[in-house]
Amino acid sequence: MVSPVSLNELQRIKKWHVANKAGHRVEYELLDLVLTLWLMGWVGWIPSLVLHTVWALPLCALAMGLPTAYVRMRTNAHHARQLRCDWLAP
């Protein structure tokens, strides 16, 4: 099982993206999208339960795991030399 990305790691990655926003605009926007969906997943599961919209629960669960999947996917691509991730921990 893959360990989840910690909030400290997410904060470090986000700070790097903010500091390098001009040179990595698409990557910056993509991370913002990932974090927005993550927050929507965490906020959305309670109303989903209350309103009995069980179809939304799997979407919320997927959104909650999105930052971990994104970071792991980018890390794997970096190690395979398919793209470069300067924000990876040294």
N, C-alpha and C. Protein backbone atom coordinates (compact mmCIF):
# COMPACT_ATOMS: atom_id res chain seq x y z
N MET A 1 0.84 -1.19 0.00
CA MET A 1 0.00 0.00 0.00
C MET A 1 0.88 1.25 0.00
N VAL A 2 0.47 2.24 -0.74
CA VAL A 2 1.21 3.49 -0.85
C VAL A 2 0.86 4.38 0.33
N SER A 3 1.89 4.94 0.97
CA SER A 3 1.62 5.83 2.09
C SER A 3 1.12 7.17 1.56
N PRO A 4 0.18 7.77 2.26
CA PRO A 4 -0.37 9.05 1.78
C PRO A 4 0.66 10.18 1.89
N VAL A 5 0.47 11.18 1.08
CA VAL A 5 1.32 12.37 1.12
C VAL A 5 0.94 13.17 2.36
N SER A 6 1.93 13.57 3.13
CA SER A 6 1.65 14.34 4.35
C SER A 6 1.33 15.79 4.00
N LEU A 7 0.70 16.47 4.93
CA LEU A 7 0.38 17.88 4.72
C LEU A 7 1.66 18.71 4.62
N ASN A 8 2.69 18.33 5.36
CA ASN A 8 3.97 19.05 5.26
C ASN A 8 4.56 18.92 3.86
N GLU A 9 4.47 17.72 3.29
CA GLU A 9 4.98 17.51 1.94
C GLU A 9 4.16 18.31 0.93
N LEU A 10 2.85 18.30 1.08
CA LEU A 10 2.00 19.10 0.18
C LEU A 10 2.32 20.59 0.29
N GLN A 11 2.57 21.04 1.51
CA GLN A 11 2.90 22.45 1.72
C GLN A 11 4.24 22.78 1.06
N ARG A 12 5.21 21.91 1.19
CA ARG A 12 6.52 22.12 0.56
C ARG A 12 6.39 22.19 -0.96
N ILE A 13 5.60 21.27 -1.52
CA ILE A 13 5.40 21.25 -2.98
C ILE A 13 4.67 22.51 -3.43
N LYS A 14 3.64 22.91 -2.69
CA LYS A 14 2.87 24.10 -3.05
C LYS A 14 3.75 25.35 -2.97
N LYS A 15 4.61 25.45 -1.94
CA LYS A 15 5.51 26.61 -1.83
C LYS A 15 6.46 26.67 -3.03
N TRP A 16 6.95 25.51 -3.47
CA TRP A 16 7.83 25.50 -4.63
C TRP A 16 7.08 26.00 -5.86
N HIS A 17 5.84 25.53 -6.03
CA HIS A 17 5.05 25.94 -7.19
C HIS A 17 4.76 27.44 -7.17
N VAL A 18 4.48 27.98 -6.01
CA VAL A 18 4.21 29.42 -5.91
C VAL A 18 5.48 30.21 -6.23
N ALA A 19 6.62 29.75 -5.72
CA ALA A 19 7.88 30.45 -5.96
C ALA A 19 8.32 30.37 -7.42
N ASN A 20 7.93 29.32 -8.12
CA ASN A 20 8.34 29.11 -9.50
C ASN A 20 7.17 29.20 -10.48
N LYS A 21 6.17 29.95 -10.11
CA LYS A 21 4.93 30.04 -10.88
C LYS A 21 5.16 30.53 -12.31
N ALA A 22 6.03 31.49 -12.49
CA ALA A 22 6.23 32.07 -13.83
C ALA A 22 6.80 31.07 -14.82
N GLY A 23 7.69 30.22 -14.38
CA GLY A 23 8.33 29.28 -15.29
C GLY A 23 7.61 27.96 -15.45
N HIS A 24 6.66 27.69 -14.57
CA HIS A 24 5.96 26.39 -14.58
C HIS A 24 4.45 26.61 -14.41
N ARG A 25 3.89 27.42 -15.28
CA ARG A 25 2.49 27.85 -15.15
C ARG A 25 1.51 26.67 -15.21
N VAL A 26 1.68 25.75 -16.16
CA VAL A 26 0.74 24.64 -16.31
C VAL A 26 0.82 23.71 -15.10
N GLU A 27 2.03 23.44 -14.65
CA GLU A 27 2.21 22.59 -13.47
C GLU A 27 1.59 23.24 -12.23
N TYR A 28 1.73 24.54 -12.12
CA TYR A 28 1.13 25.29 -11.01
C TYR A 28 -0.40 25.16 -11.03
N GLU A 29 -0.99 25.37 -12.19
CA GLU A 29 -2.45 25.28 -12.32
C GLU A 29 -2.95 23.86 -12.09
N LEU A 30 -2.19 22.87 -12.55
CA LEU A 30 -2.57 21.48 -12.36
C LEU A 30 -2.57 21.11 -10.88
N LEU A 31 -1.56 21.56 -10.15
CA LEU A 31 -1.53 21.29 -8.71
C LEU A 31 -2.70 21.99 -8.01
N ASP A 32 -3.03 23.20 -8.42
CA ASP A 32 -4.20 23.88 -7.85
C ASP A 32 -5.47 23.09 -8.10
N LEU A 33 -5.62 22.52 -9.29
CA LEU A 33 -6.79 21.70 -9.59
C LEU A 33 -6.83 20.47 -8.70
N VAL A 34 -5.70 19.81 -8.54
CA VAL A 34 -5.62 18.62 -7.69
C VAL A 34 -6.01 18.96 -6.26
N LEU A 35 -5.48 20.07 -5.73
CA LEU A 35 -5.78 20.45 -4.35
C LEU A 35 -7.24 20.90 -4.19
N THR A 36 -7.80 21.52 -5.21
CA THR A 36 -9.21 21.92 -5.16
C THR A 36 -10.11 20.70 -5.12
N LEU A 37 -9.84 19.72 -5.98
CA LEU A 37 -10.64 18.49 -5.97
C LEU A 37 -10.48 17.73 -4.66
N TRP A 38 -9.27 17.75 -4.10
CA TRP A 38 -9.01 17.10 -2.81
C TRP A 38 -9.89 17.73 -1.73
N LEU A 39 -9.92 19.04 -1.69
CA LEU A 39 -10.74 19.74 -0.70
C LEU A 39 -12.23 19.48 -0.93
N MET A 40 -12.65 19.45 -2.18
CA MET A 40 -14.06 19.15 -2.49
C MET A 40 -14.43 17.74 -2.02
N GLY A 41 -13.49 16.80 -2.14
CA GLY A 41 -13.74 15.44 -1.65
C GLY A 41 -13.94 15.40 -0.15
N TRP A 42 -13.06 16.10 0.58
CA TRP A 42 -13.17 16.10 2.04
C TRP A 42 -14.43 16.82 2.52
N VAL A 43 -14.78 17.90 1.85
CA VAL A 43 -15.95 18.67 2.26
C VAL A 43 -17.24 18.00 1.79
N GLY A 44 -17.20 17.31 0.67
CA GLY A 44 -18.40 16.79 0.05
C GLY A 44 -18.97 15.50 0.61
N TRP A 45 -18.19 14.73 1.35
CA TRP A 45 -18.71 13.43 1.77
C TRP A 45 -19.80 13.55 2.83
N ILE A 46 -19.75 14.55 3.69
CA ILE A 46 -20.80 14.70 4.71
C ILE A 46 -22.14 15.07 4.08
N PRO A 47 -22.20 16.11 3.23
CA PRO A 47 -23.49 16.39 2.57
C PRO A 47 -23.98 15.22 1.72
N SER A 48 -23.06 14.49 1.15
CA SER A 48 -23.43 13.33 0.35
C SER A 48 -24.14 12.28 1.21
N LEU A 49 -23.65 12.08 2.41
CA LEU A 49 -24.31 11.14 3.33
C LEU A 49 -25.66 11.68 3.80
N VAL A 50 -25.68 12.95 4.16
CA VAL A 50 -26.90 13.56 4.68
C VAL A 50 -28.01 13.59 3.62
N LEU A 51 -27.63 13.88 2.38
CA LEU A 51 -28.61 14.00 1.31
C LEU A 51 -28.88 12.67 0.59
N HIS A 52 -28.25 11.61 1.09
CA HIS A 52 -28.43 10.26 0.54
C HIS A 52 -28.06 10.18 -0.94
N THR A 53 -27.04 10.90 -1.32
CA THR A 53 -26.53 10.81 -2.69
C THR A 53 -25.29 9.92 -2.67
N VAL A 54 -25.56 8.63 -2.52
CA VAL A 54 -24.46 7.67 -2.36
C VAL A 54 -23.61 7.56 -3.62
N TRP A 55 -24.11 7.96 -4.77
CA TRP A 55 -23.31 7.93 -5.99
C TRP A 55 -22.11 8.87 -5.90
N ALA A 56 -22.20 9.89 -5.05
CA ALA A 56 -21.11 10.85 -4.93
C ALA A 56 -20.01 10.38 -3.97
N LEU A 57 -20.31 9.40 -3.13
CA LEU A 57 -19.31 8.94 -2.16
C LEU A 57 -18.05 8.38 -2.81
N PRO A 58 -18.15 7.54 -3.85
CA PRO A 58 -16.91 7.09 -4.50
C PRO A 58 -16.11 8.23 -5.13
N LEU A 59 -16.82 9.23 -5.65
CA LEU A 59 -16.12 10.39 -6.23
C LEU A 59 -15.37 11.15 -5.14
N CYS A 60 -16.00 11.29 -3.97
CA CYS A 60 -15.34 11.96 -2.85
C CYS A 60 -14.11 11.16 -2.40
N ALA A 61 -14.25 9.85 -2.34
CA ALA A 61 -13.12 9.01 -1.93
C ALA A 61 -11.97 9.12 -2.93
N LEU A 62 -12.28 9.12 -4.21
CA LEU A 62 -11.24 9.29 -5.23
C LEU A 62 -10.56 10.66 -5.10
N ALA A 63 -11.35 11.68 -4.87
CA ALA A 63 -10.80 13.03 -4.74
C ALA A 63 -9.90 13.14 -3.51
N MET A 64 -10.24 12.43 -2.44
CA MET A 64 -9.41 12.47 -1.23
C MET A 64 -8.03 11.85 -1.47
N GLY A 65 -7.95 10.90 -2.36
CA GLY A 65 -6.67 10.26 -2.64
C GLY A 65 -5.91 10.87 -3.81
N LEU A 66 -6.47 11.89 -4.42
CA LEU A 66 -5.87 12.49 -5.61
C LEU A 66 -4.49 13.09 -5.40
N PRO A 67 -4.22 13.84 -4.33
CA PRO A 67 -2.87 14.39 -4.16
C PRO A 67 -1.79 13.30 -4.06
N THR A 68 -2.09 12.24 -3.35
CA THR A 68 -1.13 11.15 -3.23
C THR A 68 -0.87 10.52 -4.60
N ALA A 69 -1.94 10.28 -5.35
CA ALA A 69 -1.79 9.68 -6.68
C ALA A 69 -1.01 10.61 -7.61
N TYR A 70 -1.29 11.90 -7.53
CA TYR A 70 -0.61 12.87 -8.39
C TYR A 70 0.89 12.91 -8.08
N VAL A 71 1.23 13.01 -6.81
CA VAL A 71 2.64 13.08 -6.42
C VAL A 71 3.36 11.79 -6.79
N ARG A 72 2.74 10.65 -6.55
CA ARG A 72 3.38 9.37 -6.88
C ARG A 72 3.54 9.21 -8.39
N MET A 73 2.53 9.63 -9.16
CA MET A 73 2.62 9.54 -10.62
C MET A 73 3.76 10.42 -11.14
N ARG A 74 3.85 11.63 -10.65
CA ARG A 74 4.92 12.54 -11.07
C ARG A 74 6.29 12.03 -10.63
N THR A 75 6.37 11.46 -9.44
CA THR A 75 7.63 10.90 -8.96
C THR A 75 8.08 9.74 -9.82
N ASN A 76 7.16 8.85 -10.15
CA ASN A 76 7.49 7.71 -11.01
C ASN A 76 7.94 8.17 -12.40
N ALA A 77 7.26 9.17 -12.95
CA ALA A 77 7.64 9.68 -14.26
C ALA A 77 9.01 10.36 -14.21
N HIS A 78 9.31 11.01 -13.10
CA HIS A 78 10.62 11.66 -12.93
C HIS A 78 11.72 10.60 -12.88
N HIS A 79 11.50 9.55 -12.11
CA HIS A 79 12.51 8.50 -11.99
C HIS A 79 12.67 7.72 -13.30
N ALA A 80 11.62 7.64 -14.10
CA ALA A 80 11.70 6.99 -15.41
C ALA A 80 12.26 7.94 -16.48
N ARG A 81 12.61 9.16 -16.06
CA ARG A 81 13.16 10.20 -16.95
C ARG A 81 12.19 10.58 -18.07
N GLN A 82 10.89 10.56 -17.76
CA GLN A 82 9.89 10.99 -18.72
C GLN A 82 9.59 12.47 -18.58
N LEU A 83 9.79 13.02 -17.39
CA LEU A 83 9.67 14.44 -17.14
C LEU A 83 10.51 14.80 -15.93
N ARG A 84 10.71 16.10 -15.75
CA ARG A 84 11.55 16.55 -14.65
C ARG A 84 10.69 17.22 -13.59
N CYS A 85 10.87 16.82 -12.35
CA CYS A 85 10.15 17.42 -11.22
C CYS A 85 11.18 18.04 -10.27
N ASP A 86 11.35 19.35 -10.38
CA ASP A 86 12.32 20.03 -9.52
C ASP A 86 11.85 20.12 -8.08
N TRP A 87 10.58 19.89 -7.84
CA TRP A 87 10.04 20.02 -6.50
C TRP A 87 10.18 18.76 -5.66
N LEU A 88 10.73 17.71 -6.22
CA LEU A 88 10.91 16.48 -5.44
C LEU A 88 11.91 16.72 -4.32
N ALA A 89 11.69 16.06 -3.21
CA ALA A 89 12.58 16.20 -2.06
C ALA A 89 13.97 15.70 -2.42
N PRO A 90 15.01 16.40 -2.01
CA PRO A 90 16.38 15.98 -2.34
C PRO A 90 16.78 14.71 -1.64
